Amino acid sequence: MSSLGSLWLLIQNEILGMKWLNVLIGNGLSAMGLDLSSPVGGSIQFFLYDVLKITVLLCVLIFVISYIQSYFPPERSKRILGRFHGIGANVIAALLGTVTPFCSCSSIPLFMGFTSAGLPLGVTFSFLISSPMVDLGSLVLLTGIFGVRIALIYVILGLVIAVLGGSLIEKLHMEAYVEEFIRRAPRVDVEAASLTGLERLDYAKTQMIGTLKKVFPYILIGVGIGAVIHNWIPEPWIELILGSHNPFGVILATLVGIPMYADIFGTIPVAEALLYKGAQLGTILSFMMGVTTLSLPSIIMLRKAVKPKLLALFIGICTVGIILVGYFFNGIEFLLI
């Protein structure tokens, strides 16, 4: 049993966390005469390490997930969801969201397509909540930073929010608050062409390159913010605002995260730096969920498809769910770290 634990630690630290890369970069910078204990030296090491680590993981994850996603085009996804009813359909929709695009903005066109195709509104909202919040990439990256237990609990609670949120919207019968052009869109069932193995690999490669180009600026911004937090902001400041002595830290982190726009790859370095500086685990995860699920651009896009009352309900469900998750993690943090 101990050998399995050692093997998992090796995978978590050296493969997912790529600690060897941090050592390599540190040795190289030291050889160049840079003092790594200084704010400048520490910032440069943090920036180079996190940019390279996240970019490598990003490319691998997008390639693998896009290959899986090639088996679930919108037409097939719609047929799969159409076979289920009740809360089972919400569960399947939430799970389907884990193999779809990485940010909330790219999930909304699929949500519109599913809704106009006649799928139950609650089911499509379970998909919309799950897709940016708990994709497979978040599971792998969170494992590398926080460990497998925290990553799995994060994903499970995210799926619970998606299922319960979609079910509540379904129970409230909010169909009248979907914009008319979505409800009256013609339903066209197009059979997706079957792809060969080489075509799926080419699709995964294209998706990887396209997504990397789109999110790389946010990676640089996120790592830059993380480097500043990690090396320039005094630890007592972070503990005062986001530590255990501030009972409103979770609410503050969620509200700060909502107007921002990034995906899991842009928020990971910020979360890593906050954890190192003494912020509470649940507060950090609430910030990440707020950024990835309720970004301002995605809310603006969603407003084009739904009316204000339904939009406000969606934002309220996600915000309350994220805050509860944050306080839950803060309550059990001593058992996880």
C-alpha atoms as a PDB file:
ATOM      1  CA  MET A   1       0.000   0.000   0.000  1.00  0.00           C
ATOM      2  CA  SER A   2       2.860   2.364   0.834  1.00  0.00           C
ATOM      3  CA  SER A   3       4.415   1.696  -2.568  1.00  0.00           C
ATOM      4  CA  LEU A   4       1.158   2.754  -4.263  1.00  0.00           C
ATOM      5  CA  GLY A   5       1.120   5.918  -2.173  1.00  0.00           C
ATOM      6  CA  SER A   6       4.700   6.674  -3.153  1.00  0.00           C
ATOM      7  CA  LEU A   7       3.880   6.060  -6.805  1.00  0.00           C
ATOM      8  CA  TRP A   8       0.920   8.430  -6.650  1.00  0.00           C
ATOM      9  CA  LEU A   9       3.015  11.124  -4.953  1.00  0.00           C
ATOM     10  CA  LEU A  10       5.554  10.727  -7.747  1.00  0.00           C
ATOM     11  CA  ILE A  11       2.816  11.173 -10.364  1.00  0.00           C
ATOM     12  CA  GLN A  12       1.285  14.134  -8.524  1.00  0.00           C
ATOM     13  CA  ASN A  13       4.542  15.968  -7.867  1.00  0.00           C
ATOM     14  CA  GLU A  14       6.756  15.117 -10.819  1.00  0.00           C
ATOM     15  CA  ILE A  15       4.292  14.504 -13.673  1.00  0.00           C
ATOM     16  CA  LEU A  16       1.246  16.652 -12.881  1.00  0.00           C
ATOM     17  CA  GLY A  17       3.039  19.183 -10.680  1.00  0.00           C
ATOM     18  CA  MET A  18       6.283  19.044 -12.712  1.00  0.00           C
ATOM     19  CA  LYS A  19       8.397  19.917  -9.651  1.00  0.00           C
ATOM     20  CA  TRP A  20      11.514  18.845 -11.543  1.00  0.00           C
ATOM     21  CA  LEU A  21      10.910  21.719 -13.955  1.00  0.00           C
ATOM     22  CA  ASN A  22      10.873  24.230 -11.083  1.00  0.00           C
ATOM     23  CA  VAL A  23      14.197  22.882  -9.822  1.00  0.00           C
ATOM     24  CA  LEU A  24      15.669  22.984 -13.328  1.00  0.00           C
ATOM     25  CA  ILE A  25      14.571  26.595 -13.875  1.00  0.00           C
ATOM     26  CA  GLY A  26      15.827  27.584 -10.423  1.00  0.00           C
ATOM     27  CA  ASN A  27      19.233  26.050 -11.079  1.00  0.00           C
ATOM     28  CA  GLY A  28      19.457  27.821 -14.437  1.00  0.00           C
ATOM     29  CA  LEU A  29      18.536  31.219 -12.981  1.00  0.00           C
ATOM     30  CA  SER A  30      20.973  30.746 -10.086  1.00  0.00           C
ATOM     31  CA  ALA A  31      23.734  29.908 -12.555  1.00  0.00           C
ATOM     32  CA  MET A  32      22.982  33.231 -14.257  1.00  0.00           C
ATOM     33  CA  GLY A  33      23.601  35.015 -10.949  1.00  0.00           C
ATOM     34  CA  LEU A  34      19.952  35.713 -10.044  1.00  0.00           C
ATOM     35  CA  ASP A  35      19.031  35.689  -6.352  1.00  0.00           C
ATOM     36  CA  LEU A  36      15.924  33.472  -6.142  1.00  0.00           C
ATOM     37  CA  SER A  37      15.199  34.630  -2.588  1.00  0.00           C
ATOM     38  CA  SER A  38      14.633  38.184  -3.799  1.00  0.00           C
ATOM     39  CA  PRO A  39      11.182  39.314  -5.004  1.00  0.00           C
ATOM     40  CA  VAL A  40      12.496  39.830  -8.535  1.00  0.00           C
ATOM     41  CA  GLY A  41      14.259  36.459  -8.734  1.00  0.00           C
ATOM     42  CA  GLY A  42      11.342  34.622  -7.145  1.00  0.00           C
ATOM     43  CA  SER A  43       8.870  36.275  -9.523  1.00  0.00           C
ATOM     44  CA  ILE A  44      10.894  35.309 -12.589  1.00  0.00           C
ATOM     45  CA  GLN A  45      11.194  31.697 -11.410  1.00  0.00           C
ATOM     46  CA  PHE A  46       7.475  31.495 -10.590  1.00  0.00           C
ATOM     47  CA  PHE A  47       6.517  33.044 -13.938  1.00  0.00           C
ATOM     48  CA  LEU A  48       8.723  30.805 -16.102  1.00  0.00           C
ATOM     49  CA  TYR A  49       7.823  27.635 -14.201  1.00  0.00           C
ATOM     50  CA  ASP A  50       4.062  28.171 -14.197  1.00  0.00           C
ATOM     51  CA  VAL A  51       3.853  29.341 -17.813  1.00  0.00           C
ATOM     52  CA  LEU A  52       5.803  26.305 -19.058  1.00  0.00           C
ATOM     53  CA  LYS A  53       4.011  23.855 -16.746  1.00  0.00           C
ATOM     54  CA  ILE A  54       0.509  25.071 -17.561  1.00  0.00           C
ATOM     55  CA  THR A  55       1.225  25.303 -21.300  1.00  0.00           C
ATOM     56  CA  VAL A  56       2.506  21.712 -21.451  1.00  0.00           C
ATOM     57  CA  LEU A  57      -0.421  20.391 -19.412  1.00  0.00           C
ATOM     58  CA  LEU A  58      -2.821  22.520 -21.444  1.00  0.00           C
ATOM     59  CA  CYS A  59      -1.654  21.087 -24.756  1.00  0.00           C
ATOM     60  CA  VAL A  60      -1.793  17.493 -23.525  1.00  0.00           C
ATOM     61  CA  LEU A  61      -5.188  17.909 -21.862  1.00  0.00           C
ATOM     62  CA  ILE A  62      -6.828  19.708 -24.770  1.00  0.00           C
ATOM     63  CA  PHE A  63      -5.543  17.126 -27.230  1.00  0.00           C
ATOM     64  CA  VAL A  64      -6.862  14.203 -25.157  1.00  0.00           C
ATOM     65  CA  ILE A  65     -10.173  15.861 -24.264  1.00  0.00           C
ATOM     66  CA  SER A  66     -10.754  17.055 -27.838  1.00  0.00           C
ATOM     67  CA  TYR A  67     -10.165  13.522 -29.090  1.00  0.00           C
ATOM     68  CA  ILE A  68     -12.813  12.287 -26.619  1.00  0.00           C
ATOM     69  CA  GLN A  69     -15.065  15.191 -27.600  1.00  0.00           C
ATOM     70  CA  SER A  70     -14.910  14.136 -31.257  1.00  0.00           C
ATOM     71  CA  TYR A  71     -17.196  11.246 -30.285  1.00  0.00           C
ATOM     72  CA  PHE A  72     -19.763  13.686 -28.838  1.00  0.00           C
ATOM     73  CA  PRO A  73     -20.715  16.268 -31.485  1.00  0.00           C
ATOM     74  CA  PRO A  74     -23.805  18.385 -30.668  1.00  0.00           C
ATOM     75  CA  GLU A  75     -26.132  16.097 -32.643  1.00  0.00           C
ATOM     76  CA  ARG A  76     -25.033  12.986 -30.784  1.00  0.00           C
ATOM     77  CA  SER A  77     -25.024  14.799 -27.443  1.00  0.00           C
ATOM     78  CA  LYS A  78     -28.612  15.887 -28.077  1.00  0.00           C
ATOM     79  CA  ARG A  79     -29.673  12.313 -28.833  1.00  0.00           C
ATOM     80  CA  ILE A  80     -27.955  11.036 -25.677  1.00  0.00           C
ATOM     81  CA  LEU A  81     -29.655  13.632 -23.501  1.00  0.00           C
ATOM     82  CA  GLY A  82     -33.007  12.970 -25.167  1.00  0.00           C
ATOM     83  CA  ARG A  83     -33.010   9.386 -23.911  1.00  0.00           C
ATOM     84  CA  PHE A  84     -33.132  10.387 -20.251  1.00  0.00           C
ATOM     85  CA  HIS A  85     -35.831  12.034 -18.184  1.00  0.00           C
ATOM     86  CA  GLY A  86     -36.127  13.632 -14.761  1.00  0.00           C
ATOM     87  CA  ILE A  87     -33.089  14.119 -12.571  1.00  0.00           C
ATOM     88  CA  GLY A  88     -31.276  11.375 -14.507  1.00  0.00           C
ATOM     89  CA  ALA A  89     -31.219  13.694 -17.516  1.00  0.00           C
ATOM     90  CA  ASN A  90     -29.705  16.454 -15.370  1.00  0.00           C
ATOM     91  CA  VAL A  91     -26.987  14.096 -14.163  1.00  0.00           C
ATOM     92  CA  ILE A  92     -26.115  12.999 -17.698  1.00  0.00           C
ATOM     93  CA  ALA A  93     -26.084  16.634 -18.887  1.00  0.00           C
ATOM     94  CA  ALA A  94     -23.745  17.625 -16.057  1.00  0.00           C
ATOM     95  CA  LEU A  95     -21.426  14.710 -16.838  1.00  0.00           C
ATOM     96  CA  LEU A  96     -21.517  15.579 -20.537  1.00  0.00           C
ATOM     97  CA  GLY A  97     -20.385  19.075 -19.613  1.00  0.00           C
ATOM     98  CA  THR A  98     -17.086  17.666 -18.364  1.00  0.00           C
ATOM     99  CA  VAL A  99     -15.975  16.731 -21.910  1.00  0.00           C
ATOM    100  CA  THR A 100     -16.958  19.992 -23.586  1.00  0.00           C
ATOM    101  CA  PRO A 101     -15.161  23.353 -24.033  1.00  0.00           C
ATOM    102  CA  PHE A 102     -13.132  24.934 -21.276  1.00  0.00           C
ATOM    103  CA  CYS A 103     -14.728  28.328 -20.706  1.00  0.00           C
ATOM    104  CA  SER A 104     -18.266  29.533 -20.099  1.00  0.00           C
ATOM    105  CA  CYS A 105     -18.396  31.610 -23.292  1.00  0.00           C
ATOM    106  CA  SER A 106     -17.747  28.606 -25.539  1.00  0.00           C
ATOM    107  CA  SER A 107     -20.416  26.574 -23.700  1.00  0.00           C
ATOM    108  CA  ILE A 108     -23.227  29.053 -24.352  1.00  0.00           C
ATOM    109  CA  PRO A 109     -23.597  28.350 -28.120  1.00  0.00           C
ATOM    110  CA  LEU A 110     -24.043  24.653 -27.281  1.00  0.00           C
ATOM    111  CA  PHE A 111     -26.581  25.576 -24.606  1.00  0.00           C
ATOM    112  CA  MET A 112     -28.508  27.615 -27.183  1.00  0.00           C
ATOM    113  CA  GLY A 113     -28.421  24.720 -29.639  1.00  0.00           C
ATOM    114  CA  PHE A 114     -29.645  22.200 -27.084  1.00  0.00           C
ATOM    115  CA  THR A 115     -32.438  24.534 -25.933  1.00  0.00           C
ATOM    116  CA  SER A 116     -33.638  25.318 -29.460  1.00  0.00           C
ATOM    117  CA  ALA A 117     -33.569  21.584 -30.216  1.00  0.00           C
ATOM    118  CA  GLY A 118     -36.293  21.052 -27.624  1.00  0.00           C
ATOM    119  CA  LEU A 119     -34.337  19.571 -24.722  1.00  0.00           C
ATOM    120  CA  PRO A 120     -35.783  20.393 -21.274  1.00  0.00           C
ATOM    121  CA  LEU A 121     -34.581  23.747 -20.003  1.00  0.00           C
ATOM    122  CA  GLY A 122     -33.363  22.378 -16.684  1.00  0.00           C
ATOM    123  CA  VAL A 123     -31.263  19.774 -18.480  1.00  0.00           C
ATOM    124  CA  THR A 124     -29.583  22.377 -20.677  1.00  0.00           C
ATOM    125  CA  PHE A 125     -28.824  24.529 -17.630  1.00  0.00           C
ATOM    126  CA  SER A 126     -27.216  21.565 -15.848  1.00  0.00           C
ATOM    127  CA  PHE A 127     -24.937  21.303 -18.867  1.00  0.00           C
ATOM    128  CA  LEU A 128     -24.274  25.060 -18.895  1.00  0.00           C
ATOM    129  CA  ILE A 129     -23.273  25.132 -15.213  1.00  0.00           C
ATOM    130  CA  SER A 130     -21.121  22.012 -15.388  1.00  0.00           C
ATOM    131  CA  SER A 131     -19.220  22.695 -18.592  1.00  0.00           C
ATOM    132  CA  PRO A 132     -16.906  25.510 -17.443  1.00  0.00           C
ATOM    133  CA  MET A 133     -16.880  24.568 -13.762  1.00  0.00           C
ATOM    134  CA  VAL A 134     -15.830  20.904 -13.748  1.00  0.00           C
ATOM    135  CA  ASP A 135     -14.139  19.788 -16.958  1.00  0.00           C
ATOM    136  CA  LEU A 136     -11.549  17.012 -17.032  1.00  0.00           C
ATOM    137  CA  GLY A 137      -8.795  19.602 -17.257  1.00  0.00           C
ATOM    138  CA  SER A 138      -9.754  21.072 -13.882  1.00  0.00           C
ATOM    139  CA  LEU A 139      -9.553  17.606 -12.300  1.00  0.00           C
ATOM    140  CA  VAL A 140      -6.012  17.036 -13.553  1.00  0.00           C
ATOM    141  CA  LEU A 141      -4.707  20.524 -12.790  1.00  0.00           C
ATOM    142  CA  LEU A 142      -6.299  20.678  -9.344  1.00  0.00           C
ATOM    143  CA  THR A 143      -4.785  17.283  -8.551  1.00  0.00           C
ATOM    144  CA  GLY A 144      -1.343  18.645  -9.391  1.00  0.00           C
ATOM    145  CA  ILE A 145      -1.791  21.645  -7.069  1.00  0.00           C
ATOM    146  CA  PHE A 146      -4.070  20.515  -4.224  1.00  0.00           C
ATOM    147  CA  GLY A 147      -3.986  16.707  -4.343  1.00  0.00           C
ATOM    148  CA  VAL A 148      -6.425  14.087  -5.568  1.00  0.00           C
ATOM    149  CA  ARG A 149      -8.891  14.242  -2.645  1.00  0.00           C
ATOM    150  CA  ILE A 150      -9.470  17.970  -2.967  1.00  0.00           C
ATOM    151  CA  ALA A 151      -9.734  17.728  -6.761  1.00  0.00           C
ATOM    152  CA  LEU A 152     -12.319  14.928  -6.620  1.00  0.00           C
ATOM    153  CA  ILE A 153     -14.427  16.688  -3.968  1.00  0.00           C
ATOM    154  CA  TYR A 154     -14.296  19.902  -6.020  1.00  0.00           C
ATOM    155  CA  VAL A 155     -15.530  18.110  -9.147  1.00  0.00           C
ATOM    156  CA  ILE A 156     -18.252  16.185  -7.272  1.00  0.00           C
ATOM    157  CA  LEU A 157     -19.583  19.338  -5.597  1.00  0.00           C
ATOM    158  CA  GLY A 158     -19.491  21.176  -8.929  1.00  0.00           C
ATOM    159  CA  LEU A 159     -21.592  18.427 -10.481  1.00  0.00           C
ATOM    160  CA  VAL A 160     -24.003  18.607  -7.526  1.00  0.00           C
ATOM    161  CA  ILE A 161     -24.446  22.359  -8.113  1.00  0.00           C
ATOM    162  CA  ALA A 162     -25.102  21.689 -11.815  1.00  0.00           C
ATOM    163  CA  VAL A 163     -27.658  18.931 -11.159  1.00  0.00           C
ATOM    164  CA  LEU A 164     -29.526  20.750  -8.378  1.00  0.00           C
ATOM    165  CA  GLY A 165     -29.444  24.076 -10.223  1.00  0.00           C
ATOM    166  CA  GLY A 166     -30.837  22.571 -13.403  1.00  0.00           C
ATOM    167  CA  SER A 167     -33.475  20.636 -11.458  1.00  0.00           C
ATOM    168  CA  LEU A 168     -34.627  23.796  -9.665  1.00  0.00           C
ATOM    169  CA  ILE A 169     -34.957  25.698 -12.939  1.00  0.00           C
ATOM    170  CA  GLU A 170     -36.944  22.769 -14.334  1.00  0.00           C
ATOM    171  CA  LYS A 171     -39.307  22.745 -11.336  1.00  0.00           C
ATOM    172  CA  LEU A 172     -39.952  26.479 -11.645  1.00  0.00           C
ATOM    173  CA  HIS A 173     -41.042  26.103 -15.302  1.00  0.00           C
ATOM    174  CA  MET A 174     -39.019  29.013 -16.655  1.00  0.00           C
ATOM    175  CA  GLU A 175     -39.492  28.181 -20.354  1.00  0.00           C
ATOM    176  CA  ALA A 176     -41.373  31.457 -20.936  1.00  0.00           C
ATOM    177  CA  TYR A 177     -38.213  33.352 -20.014  1.00  0.00           C
ATOM    178  CA  VAL A 178     -36.202  31.966 -22.929  1.00  0.00           C
ATOM    179  CA  GLU A 179     -35.957  34.474 -25.780  1.00  0.00           C
ATOM    180  CA  GLU A 180     -38.429  33.901 -28.613  1.00  0.00           C
ATOM    181  CA  PHE A 181     -35.838  33.312 -31.335  1.00  0.00           C
ATOM    182  CA  ILE A 182     -34.402  30.395 -29.335  1.00  0.00           C
ATOM    183  CA  ARG A 183     -37.786  28.775 -28.686  1.00  0.00           C
ATOM    184  CA  ARG A 184     -38.952  29.125 -32.291  1.00  0.00           C
ATOM    185  CA  ALA A 185     -35.705  28.064 -33.948  1.00  0.00           C
ATOM    186  CA  PRO A 186     -36.213  25.292 -36.531  1.00  0.00           C
ATOM    187  CA  ARG A 187     -35.190  21.887 -35.246  1.00  0.00           C
ATOM    188  CA  VAL A 188     -32.817  20.327 -37.713  1.00  0.00           C
ATOM    189  CA  ASP A 189     -31.423  16.898 -36.961  1.00  0.00           C
ATOM    190  CA  VAL A 190     -28.122  16.563 -38.775  1.00  0.00           C
ATOM    191  CA  GLU A 191     -26.296  13.288 -38.511  1.00  0.00           C
ATOM    192  CA  ALA A 192     -22.649  13.944 -37.716  1.00  0.00           C
ATOM    193  CA  ALA A 193     -20.295  12.386 -40.218  1.00  0.00           C
ATOM    194  CA  SER A 194     -18.292   9.497 -38.780  1.00  0.00           C
ATOM    195  CA  LEU A 195     -14.613  10.304 -38.474  1.00  0.00           C
ATOM    196  CA  THR A 196     -11.651   8.042 -39.011  1.00  0.00           C
ATOM    197  CA  GLY A 197      -8.945   7.696 -36.387  1.00  0.00           C
ATOM    198  CA  LEU A 198      -6.632  10.021 -38.313  1.00  0.00           C
ATOM    199  CA  GLU A 199      -9.409  12.596 -38.695  1.00  0.00           C
ATOM    200  CA  ARG A 200     -10.048  12.508 -34.957  1.00  0.00           C
ATOM    201  CA  LEU A 201      -6.338  13.067 -34.294  1.00  0.00           C
ATOM    202  CA  ASP A 202      -6.330  15.965 -36.747  1.00  0.00           C
ATOM    203  CA  TYR A 203      -9.436  17.407 -35.052  1.00  0.00           C
ATOM    204  CA  ALA A 204      -7.759  17.126 -31.641  1.00  0.00           C
ATOM    205  CA  LYS A 205      -4.626  18.828 -32.985  1.00  0.00           C
ATOM    206  CA  THR A 206      -6.656  21.673 -34.506  1.00  0.00           C
ATOM    207  CA  GLN A 207      -8.607  22.163 -31.275  1.00  0.00           C
ATOM    208  CA  MET A 208      -5.397  22.138 -29.238  1.00  0.00           C
ATOM    209  CA  ILE A 209      -3.754  24.832 -31.383  1.00  0.00           C
ATOM    210  CA  GLY A 210      -6.901  26.959 -31.565  1.00  0.00           C
ATOM    211  CA  THR A 211      -7.576  26.789 -27.821  1.00  0.00           C
ATOM    212  CA  LEU A 212      -3.937  27.477 -26.955  1.00  0.00           C
ATOM    213  CA  LYS A 213      -3.975  30.637 -29.082  1.00  0.00           C
ATOM    214  CA  LYS A 214      -7.185  31.764 -27.405  1.00  0.00           C
ATOM    215  CA  VAL A 215      -6.262  31.134 -23.775  1.00  0.00           C
ATOM    216  CA  PHE A 216      -2.497  31.754 -23.769  1.00  0.00           C
ATOM    217  CA  PRO A 217      -2.865  35.508 -23.088  1.00  0.00           C
ATOM    218  CA  TYR A 218      -4.989  34.651 -20.029  1.00  0.00           C
ATOM    219  CA  ILE A 219      -2.330  32.199 -18.865  1.00  0.00           C
ATOM    220  CA  LEU A 220       0.282  34.970 -19.032  1.00  0.00           C
ATOM    221  CA  ILE A 221      -2.007  37.378 -17.150  1.00  0.00           C
ATOM    222  CA  GLY A 222      -2.934  34.772 -14.532  1.00  0.00           C
ATOM    223  CA  VAL A 223       0.679  33.708 -13.961  1.00  0.00           C
ATOM    224  CA  GLY A 224       1.740  37.365 -13.808  1.00  0.00           C
ATOM    225  CA  ILE A 225      -0.849  38.063 -11.092  1.00  0.00           C
ATOM    226  CA  GLY A 226       0.207  34.889  -9.293  1.00  0.00           C
ATOM    227  CA  ALA A 227       3.869  35.946  -9.388  1.00  0.00           C
ATOM    228  CA  VAL A 228       3.010  39.325  -7.856  1.00  0.00           C
ATOM    229  CA  ILE A 229       0.929  37.700  -5.106  1.00  0.00           C
ATOM    230  CA  HIS A 230       3.578  35.046  -4.486  1.00  0.00           C
ATOM    231  CA  ASN A 231       6.569  37.362  -4.175  1.00  0.00           C
ATOM    232  CA  TRP A 232       5.457  40.934  -3.552  1.00  0.00           C
ATOM    233  CA  ILE A 233       2.277  40.960  -1.415  1.00  0.00           C
ATOM    234  CA  PRO A 234       2.975  40.397   2.304  1.00  0.00           C
ATOM    235  CA  GLU A 235       1.504  37.194   3.692  1.00  0.00           C
ATOM    236  CA  PRO A 236      -0.339  38.933   6.576  1.00  0.00           C
ATOM    237  CA  TRP A 237      -2.337  40.958   4.040  1.00  0.00           C
ATOM    238  CA  ILE A 238      -3.638  37.816   2.300  1.00  0.00           C
ATOM    239  CA  GLU A 239      -4.383  36.133   5.629  1.00  0.00           C
ATOM    240  CA  LEU A 240      -6.263  39.217   6.825  1.00  0.00           C
ATOM    241  CA  ILE A 241      -8.492  39.414   3.728  1.00  0.00           C
ATOM    242  CA  LEU A 242      -8.863  35.758   2.707  1.00  0.00           C
ATOM    243  CA  GLY A 243      -7.706  33.849   5.783  1.00  0.00           C
ATOM    244  CA  SER A 244      -9.667  32.168   8.544  1.00  0.00           C
ATOM    245  CA  HIS A 245     -10.057  35.391  10.544  1.00  0.00           C
ATOM    246  CA  ASN A 246     -12.332  36.903   7.898  1.00  0.00           C
ATOM    247  CA  PRO A 247     -15.704  35.087   7.942  1.00  0.00           C
ATOM    248  CA  PHE A 248     -16.724  36.900   4.759  1.00  0.00           C
ATOM    249  CA  GLY A 249     -13.651  35.828   2.772  1.00  0.00           C
ATOM    250  CA  VAL A 250     -15.585  33.271   0.701  1.00  0.00           C
ATOM    251  CA  ILE A 251     -18.276  35.789  -0.242  1.00  0.00           C
ATOM    252  CA  LEU A 252     -15.659  38.428  -1.090  1.00  0.00           C
ATOM    253  CA  ALA A 253     -13.634  36.009  -3.237  1.00  0.00           C
ATOM    254  CA  THR A 254     -16.750  34.865  -5.119  1.00  0.00           C
ATOM    255  CA  LEU A 255     -17.926  38.408  -5.834  1.00  0.00           C
ATOM    256  CA  VAL A 256     -14.422  39.474  -6.944  1.00  0.00           C
ATOM    257  CA  GLY A 257     -14.163  36.454  -9.258  1.00  0.00           C
ATOM    258  CA  ILE A 258     -17.527  36.893 -11.003  1.00  0.00           C
ATOM    259  CA  PRO A 259     -16.676  39.991 -13.133  1.00  0.00           C
ATOM    260  CA  MET A 260     -13.375  38.487 -14.297  1.00  0.00           C
ATOM    261  CA  TYR A 261     -12.910  36.375 -17.428  1.00  0.00           C
ATOM    262  CA  ALA A 262     -10.579  33.401 -17.528  1.00  0.00           C
ATOM    263  CA  ASP A 263     -10.663  29.634 -17.615  1.00  0.00           C
ATOM    264  CA  ILE A 264      -9.198  27.059 -15.260  1.00  0.00           C
ATOM    265  CA  PHE A 265      -5.737  27.493 -16.787  1.00  0.00           C
ATOM    266  CA  GLY A 266      -5.661  31.208 -16.027  1.00  0.00           C
ATOM    267  CA  THR A 267      -6.929  30.878 -12.457  1.00  0.00           C
ATOM    268  CA  ILE A 268      -4.690  28.002 -11.314  1.00  0.00           C
ATOM    269  CA  PRO A 269      -1.514  30.126 -10.833  1.00  0.00           C
ATOM    270  CA  VAL A 270      -3.479  32.745  -8.891  1.00  0.00           C
ATOM    271  CA  ALA A 271      -4.981  30.000  -6.685  1.00  0.00           C
ATOM    272  CA  GLU A 272      -1.555  28.453  -6.162  1.00  0.00           C
ATOM    273  CA  ALA A 273      -0.074  31.768  -5.034  1.00  0.00           C
ATOM    274  CA  LEU A 274      -3.017  32.522  -2.715  1.00  0.00           C
ATOM    275  CA  LEU A 275      -2.725  29.088  -1.079  1.00  0.00           C
ATOM    276  CA  TYR A 276       1.000  29.614  -0.515  1.00  0.00           C
ATOM    277  CA  LYS A 277       0.298  32.991   1.101  1.00  0.00           C
ATOM    278  CA  GLY A 278      -2.204  31.602   3.610  1.00  0.00           C
ATOM    279  CA  ALA A 279      -5.625  32.065   2.001  1.00  0.00           C
ATOM    280  CA  GLN A 280      -8.169  29.434   3.023  1.00  0.00           C
ATOM    281  CA  LEU A 281      -8.759  26.549   0.651  1.00  0.00           C
ATOM    282  CA  GLY A 282     -12.521  27.071   0.279  1.00  0.00           C
ATOM    283  CA  THR A 283     -12.031  30.785  -0.339  1.00  0.00           C
ATOM    284  CA  ILE A 284      -9.584  30.023  -3.157  1.00  0.00           C
ATOM    285  CA  LEU A 285     -11.868  27.443  -4.760  1.00  0.00           C
ATOM    286  CA  SER A 286     -14.848  29.817  -4.577  1.00  0.00           C
ATOM    287  CA  PHE A 287     -12.773  32.426  -6.400  1.00  0.00           C
ATOM    288  CA  MET A 288     -11.896  29.881  -9.107  1.00  0.00           C
ATOM    289  CA  MET A 289     -15.514  28.775  -9.518  1.00  0.00           C
ATOM    290  CA  GLY A 290     -16.718  32.375  -9.711  1.00  0.00           C
ATOM    291  CA  VAL A 291     -14.193  33.264 -12.418  1.00  0.00           C
ATOM    292  CA  THR A 292     -14.784  30.187 -14.585  1.00  0.00           C
ATOM    293  CA  THR A 293     -18.570  29.919 -14.232  1.00  0.00           C
ATOM    294  CA  LEU A 294     -19.914  33.462 -14.026  1.00  0.00           C
ATOM    295  CA  SER A 295     -17.587  35.654 -16.065  1.00  0.00           C
ATOM    296  CA  LEU A 296     -19.045  38.955 -17.245  1.00  0.00           C
ATOM    297  CA  PRO A 297     -18.649  38.168 -20.995  1.00  0.00           C
ATOM    298  CA  SER A 298     -20.534  34.889 -20.593  1.00  0.00           C
ATOM    299  CA  ILE A 299     -23.367  36.615 -18.703  1.00  0.00           C
ATOM    300  CA  ILE A 300     -23.659  39.184 -21.506  1.00  0.00           C
ATOM    301  CA  MET A 301     -23.796  36.381 -24.092  1.00  0.00           C
ATOM    302  CA  LEU A 302     -26.355  34.421 -22.086  1.00  0.00           C
ATOM    303  CA  ARG A 303     -28.569  37.510 -21.805  1.00  0.00           C
ATOM    304  CA  LYS A 304     -29.086  37.326 -25.580  1.00  0.00           C
ATOM    305  CA  ALA A 305     -30.701  33.902 -25.140  1.00  0.00           C
ATOM    306  CA  VAL A 306     -32.696  34.301 -21.914  1.00  0.00           C
ATOM    307  CA  LYS A 307     -34.711  37.054 -20.256  1.00  0.00           C
ATOM    308  CA  PRO A 308     -33.512  38.928 -17.156  1.00  0.00           C
ATOM    309  CA  LYS A 309     -35.562  36.898 -14.653  1.00  0.00           C
ATOM    310  CA  LEU A 310     -34.091  33.579 -15.821  1.00  0.00           C
ATOM    311  CA  LEU A 311     -30.613  35.099 -16.052  1.00  0.00           C
ATOM    312  CA  ALA A 312     -30.888  36.405 -12.476  1.00  0.00           C
ATOM    313  CA  LEU A 313     -32.043  32.964 -11.284  1.00  0.00           C
ATOM    314  CA  PHE A 314     -29.060  31.297 -13.001  1.00  0.00           C
ATOM    315  CA  ILE A 315     -26.597  33.778 -11.468  1.00  0.00           C
ATOM    316  CA  GLY A 316     -28.224  33.410  -8.045  1.00  0.00           C
ATOM    317  CA  ILE A 317     -28.123  29.597  -8.101  1.00  0.00           C
ATOM    318  CA  CYS A 318     -24.468  29.532  -9.149  1.00  0.00           C
ATOM    319  CA  THR A 319     -23.423  32.226  -6.666  1.00  0.00           C
ATOM    320  CA  VAL A 320     -25.142  30.587  -3.690  1.00  0.00           C
ATOM    321  CA  GLY A 321     -23.798  27.160  -4.692  1.00  0.00           C
ATOM    322  CA  ILE A 322     -20.239  28.477  -5.058  1.00  0.00           C
ATOM    323  CA  ILE A 323     -20.370  30.230  -1.673  1.00  0.00           C
ATOM    324  CA  LEU A 324     -21.676  27.076   0.043  1.00  0.00           C
ATOM    325  CA  VAL A 325     -18.895  25.026  -1.551  1.00  0.00           C
ATOM    326  CA  GLY A 326     -16.344  27.542  -0.267  1.00  0.00           C
ATOM    327  CA  TYR A 327     -17.578  27.388   3.307  1.00  0.00           C
ATOM    328  CA  PHE A 328     -17.767  23.587   3.102  1.00  0.00           C
ATOM    329  CA  PHE A 329     -14.106  23.349   2.082  1.00  0.00           C
ATOM    330  CA  ASN A 330     -13.071  25.861   4.762  1.00  0.00           C
ATOM    331  CA  GLY A 331     -14.870  23.735   7.331  1.00  0.00           C
ATOM    332  CA  ILE A 332     -13.029  20.541   6.420  1.00  0.00           C
ATOM    333  CA  GLU A 333      -9.714  22.083   5.344  1.00  0.00           C
ATOM    334  CA  PHE A 334      -7.876  20.685   8.376  1.00  0.00           C
ATOM    335  CA  LEU A 335      -8.839  17.169   7.229  1.00  0.00           C
ATOM    336  CA  LEU A 336      -7.557  17.671   3.675  1.00  0.00           C
ATOM    337  CA  ILE A 337      -4.250  19.501   3.996  1.00  0.00           C
END
